[in-house]
Amino acid sequence: MISYKPLWETLKEKNMSAYKLIRYHAFSANTVYRLRHNQGISTALLDKLCTLLDCRVEDIIEHIPDRNEKF
């Protein structure tokens, strides 16, 4: 599972909020919803977040292994 928990911590450290992402940086409310609910986003969006927040991908997402998931 992909988790965006690090994103919320990074936003707090950078004095940024979900509201500011939507209002001042042209992120859609749907994108913020997807982030809040650990749903998929594009790599282009990850790149945009990394650039905006001047951070690494690891500061936005983390992978949490699901040992019960079968392929």
C-alpha atoms as a PDB file:
ATOM      1  CA  MET A   1       0.000   0.000   0.000  1.00  0.00           C
ATOM      2  CA  ILE A   2       1.166   3.528  -0.715  1.00  0.00           C
ATOM      3  CA  SER A   3       0.688   6.021   2.097  1.00  0.00           C
ATOM      4  CA  TYR A   4       0.921   9.801   1.858  1.00  0.00           C
ATOM      5  CA  LYS A   5       1.442  10.209   5.600  1.00  0.00           C
ATOM      6  CA  PRO A   6       4.918  11.724   5.031  1.00  0.00           C
ATOM      7  CA  LEU A   7       3.319  14.393   2.814  1.00  0.00           C
ATOM      8  CA  TRP A   8       1.210  15.775   5.645  1.00  0.00           C
ATOM      9  CA  GLU A   9       4.261  15.941   7.906  1.00  0.00           C
ATOM     10  CA  THR A  10       6.281  17.656   5.162  1.00  0.00           C
ATOM     11  CA  LEU A  11       3.498  20.151   4.506  1.00  0.00           C
ATOM     12  CA  LYS A  12       3.441  21.037   8.195  1.00  0.00           C
ATOM     13  CA  GLU A  13       7.231  21.481   8.267  1.00  0.00           C
ATOM     14  CA  LYS A  14       7.060  23.744   5.196  1.00  0.00           C
ATOM     15  CA  ASN A  15       4.176  25.802   6.649  1.00  0.00           C
ATOM     16  CA  MET A  16       1.888  24.635   3.844  1.00  0.00           C
ATOM     17  CA  SER A  17      -1.660  23.323   3.985  1.00  0.00           C
ATOM     18  CA  ALA A  18      -4.072  21.467   1.741  1.00  0.00           C
ATOM     19  CA  TYR A  19      -5.978  24.736   1.398  1.00  0.00           C
ATOM     20  CA  LYS A  20      -2.840  26.495   0.111  1.00  0.00           C
ATOM     21  CA  LEU A  21      -2.212  23.673  -2.379  1.00  0.00           C
ATOM     22  CA  ILE A  22      -5.690  24.209  -3.812  1.00  0.00           C
ATOM     23  CA  ARG A  23      -5.934  27.995  -3.538  1.00  0.00           C
ATOM     24  CA  TYR A  24      -2.440  29.136  -4.462  1.00  0.00           C
ATOM     25  CA  HIS A  25      -0.780  26.260  -6.313  1.00  0.00           C
ATOM     26  CA  ALA A  26      -3.534  25.017  -8.659  1.00  0.00           C
ATOM     27  CA  PHE A  27      -4.015  21.564  -7.142  1.00  0.00           C
ATOM     28  CA  SER A  28      -7.567  20.336  -7.535  1.00  0.00           C
ATOM     29  CA  ALA A  29      -9.734  19.467  -4.557  1.00  0.00           C
ATOM     30  CA  ASN A  30     -10.020  15.994  -6.075  1.00  0.00           C
ATOM     31  CA  THR A  31      -6.238  15.596  -5.994  1.00  0.00           C
ATOM     32  CA  VAL A  32      -6.123  16.543  -2.320  1.00  0.00           C
ATOM     33  CA  TYR A  33      -8.966  14.078  -1.689  1.00  0.00           C
ATOM     34  CA  ARG A  34      -6.968  11.335  -3.420  1.00  0.00           C
ATOM     35  CA  LEU A  35      -3.920  12.168  -1.311  1.00  0.00           C
ATOM     36  CA  ARG A  36      -5.917  12.147   1.920  1.00  0.00           C
ATOM     37  CA  HIS A  37      -7.351   8.726   1.058  1.00  0.00           C
ATOM     38  CA  ASN A  38      -4.074   7.148  -0.141  1.00  0.00           C
ATOM     39  CA  GLN A  39      -5.354   6.763  -3.690  1.00  0.00           C
ATOM     40  CA  GLY A  40      -3.136   6.775  -6.759  1.00  0.00           C
ATOM     41  CA  ILE A  41      -1.681   9.909  -8.310  1.00  0.00           C
ATOM     42  CA  SER A  42       0.592  10.405 -11.307  1.00  0.00           C
ATOM     43  CA  THR A  43       4.353  10.644 -11.204  1.00  0.00           C
ATOM     44  CA  ALA A  44       3.985  14.088 -12.775  1.00  0.00           C
ATOM     45  CA  LEU A  45       2.024  15.161  -9.714  1.00  0.00           C
ATOM     46  CA  LEU A  46       4.672  13.668  -7.421  1.00  0.00           C
ATOM     47  CA  ASP A  47       7.265  15.681  -9.327  1.00  0.00           C
ATOM     48  CA  LYS A  48       5.189  18.851  -8.939  1.00  0.00           C
ATOM     49  CA  LEU A  49       4.865  18.285  -5.181  1.00  0.00           C
ATOM     50  CA  CYS A  50       8.604  17.609  -4.808  1.00  0.00           C
ATOM     51  CA  THR A  51       9.431  20.787  -6.719  1.00  0.00           C
ATOM     52  CA  LEU A  52       6.944  22.908  -4.801  1.00  0.00           C
ATOM     53  CA  LEU A  53       8.032  21.607  -1.400  1.00  0.00           C
ATOM     54  CA  ASP A  54      11.723  21.323  -2.310  1.00  0.00           C
ATOM     55  CA  CYS A  55      11.841  17.766  -1.033  1.00  0.00           C
ATOM     56  CA  ARG A  56      12.442  14.163  -2.059  1.00  0.00           C
ATOM     57  CA  VAL A  57       9.835  11.576  -3.040  1.00  0.00           C
ATOM     58  CA  GLU A  58      10.401   9.854   0.317  1.00  0.00           C
ATOM     59  CA  ASP A  59       9.144  13.033   1.997  1.00  0.00           C
ATOM     60  CA  ILE A  60       5.784  12.571   0.236  1.00  0.00           C
ATOM     61  CA  ILE A  61       5.084   8.855  -0.029  1.00  0.00           C
ATOM     62  CA  GLU A  62       5.953   5.637   1.709  1.00  0.00           C
ATOM     63  CA  HIS A  63       5.340   2.028   0.796  1.00  0.00           C
ATOM     64  CA  ILE A  64       3.756  -0.148   3.452  1.00  0.00           C
ATOM     65  CA  PRO A  65       4.009  -3.827   2.526  1.00  0.00           C
ATOM     66  CA  ASP A  66       0.782  -5.807   2.614  1.00  0.00           C
ATOM     67  CA  ARG A  67       1.853  -9.321   3.409  1.00  0.00           C
ATOM     68  CA  ASN A  68      -1.609 -10.711   2.598  1.00  0.00           C
ATOM     69  CA  GLU A  69      -1.800  -9.256  -0.924  1.00  0.00           C
ATOM     70  CA  LYS A  70      -1.564 -11.862  -3.672  1.00  0.00           C
ATOM     71  CA  PHE A  71      -0.580 -11.202  -7.260  1.00  0.00           C
END
